[in-house]
Amino acid sequence: MQVDEMVDDDPERMLWVNVLWVAIKDVARDDVSMVRDCNRREVSRNRENAKEWFLSQEDEEGSFRWVCLILGLDPDWVHRWVSGFMKSPRKKEISRRWRNYQ
């Protein structure tokens, strides 16, 4: 399923699509050298929080597994995809493009 297929007119659904999107961007961002000094600590903290969120096995509202389920995504598949992406040789190139997408 593509991100644009998950998008519809439901504002709550859009909220959770964006939560997942931001978490993917945060976990992918490992080059903090490009970030201003005052933001490096925050970027690192966001990255670590996103990693913890993806690894969580909890299924309460707002958790990674819950977000995937309400979006109709298999949380295990998404987790494998994110893990594969993190090991990808193209990760830096893709991450740079994502940083420009708001």
Protein backbone atom coordinates (compact mmCIF):
# COMPACT_ATOMS: atom_id res chain seq x y z
CA MET A 1 0.00 0.00 0.00
CA GLN A 2 1.30 3.43 -0.95
CA VAL A 3 1.09 6.42 1.40
CA ASP A 4 -1.19 8.24 -1.04
CA GLU A 5 -3.59 5.26 -0.91
CA MET A 6 -3.91 5.74 2.85
CA VAL A 7 -4.92 9.38 2.46
CA ASP A 8 -8.58 10.28 2.44
CA ASP A 9 -10.85 12.99 3.80
CA ASP A 10 -10.86 11.64 7.37
CA PRO A 11 -8.84 14.12 9.49
CA GLU A 12 -8.15 11.55 12.22
CA ARG A 13 -6.80 9.08 9.70
CA MET A 14 -4.61 11.81 8.21
CA LEU A 15 -3.26 12.53 11.69
CA TRP A 16 -2.12 8.92 12.11
CA VAL A 17 -0.68 8.75 8.58
CA ASN A 18 1.41 11.80 9.50
CA VAL A 19 2.47 10.31 12.84
CA LEU A 20 3.81 7.26 10.99
CA TRP A 21 5.45 9.44 8.32
CA VAL A 22 7.23 11.65 10.88
CA ALA A 23 8.43 8.60 12.82
CA ILE A 24 9.91 7.11 9.63
CA LYS A 25 11.64 10.41 8.86
CA ASP A 26 12.95 10.69 12.44
CA VAL A 27 14.32 7.16 12.56
CA ALA A 28 15.95 7.60 9.14
CA ARG A 29 17.73 10.79 10.11
CA ASP A 30 21.14 9.74 11.30
CA ASP A 31 23.26 12.54 9.88
CA VAL A 32 23.03 15.14 12.63
CA SER A 33 26.18 16.88 11.40
CA MET A 34 24.01 18.86 8.97
CA VAL A 35 21.83 20.14 11.81
CA ARG A 36 22.54 23.37 13.66
CA ASP A 37 24.23 22.78 17.03
CA CYS A 38 21.20 23.90 19.02
CA ASN A 39 19.02 21.23 17.36
CA ARG A 40 21.40 18.23 17.33
CA ARG A 41 20.35 17.03 20.75
CA GLU A 42 16.66 17.28 19.83
CA VAL A 43 17.17 15.45 16.51
CA SER A 44 19.09 12.67 18.28
CA ARG A 45 16.39 12.39 20.94
CA ASN A 46 13.64 12.26 18.30
CA ARG A 47 15.53 9.54 16.42
CA GLU A 48 15.91 7.43 19.56
CA ASN A 49 12.24 7.93 20.52
CA ALA A 50 11.17 6.87 17.01
CA LYS A 51 13.34 3.74 17.20
CA GLU A 52 11.78 2.81 20.54
CA TRP A 53 8.29 3.46 19.14
CA PHE A 54 8.92 1.16 16.15
CA LEU A 55 10.30 -1.60 18.39
CA SER A 56 7.46 -1.44 20.91
CA GLN A 57 5.14 -4.44 21.09
CA GLU A 58 2.41 -2.46 22.86
CA ASP A 59 -0.94 -2.11 21.14
CA GLU A 60 -2.55 0.73 23.06
CA GLU A 61 -3.85 3.84 21.31
CA GLY A 62 -1.02 5.81 19.72
CA SER A 63 1.45 2.91 19.72
CA PHE A 64 3.18 1.83 16.52
CA ARG A 65 1.17 -1.40 16.28
CA TRP A 66 -2.12 0.42 16.91
CA VAL A 67 -1.36 3.08 14.27
CA CYS A 68 -0.57 0.40 11.70
CA LEU A 69 -3.74 -1.52 12.47
CA ILE A 70 -6.06 1.48 12.16
CA LEU A 71 -4.35 2.34 8.85
CA GLY A 72 -4.89 -1.20 7.60
CA LEU A 73 -1.19 -2.04 7.60
CA ASP A 74 0.48 -5.16 8.95
CA PRO A 75 2.73 -3.86 11.77
CA ASP A 76 5.22 -6.70 11.25
CA TRP A 77 5.51 -5.87 7.53
CA VAL A 78 6.00 -2.15 8.27
CA HIS A 79 8.62 -3.02 10.89
CA ARG A 80 10.48 -5.22 8.37
CA TRP A 81 10.25 -2.46 5.75
CA VAL A 82 11.64 0.18 8.13
CA SER A 83 14.41 -2.21 9.27
CA GLY A 84 15.29 -2.96 5.64
CA PHE A 85 15.27 0.72 4.80
CA MET A 86 17.63 1.44 7.71
CA LYS A 87 20.15 -1.04 6.21
CA SER A 88 19.73 0.24 2.65
CA PRO A 89 22.78 1.71 0.91
CA ARG A 90 20.44 4.38 -0.51
CA LYS A 91 19.22 5.43 2.95
CA LYS A 92 21.16 8.70 3.04
CA GLU A 93 19.99 9.73 -0.41
CA ILE A 94 16.34 8.94 0.38
CA SER A 95 16.59 10.58 3.81
CA ARG A 96 17.89 13.78 2.22
CA ARG A 97 14.87 13.87 -0.10
CA TRP A 98 12.48 13.21 2.79
CA ARG A 99 13.91 16.08 4.82
CA ASN A 100 12.75 18.42 2.08
CA TYR A 101 9.24 16.98 2.11
CA GLN A 102 7.02 18.67 4.68
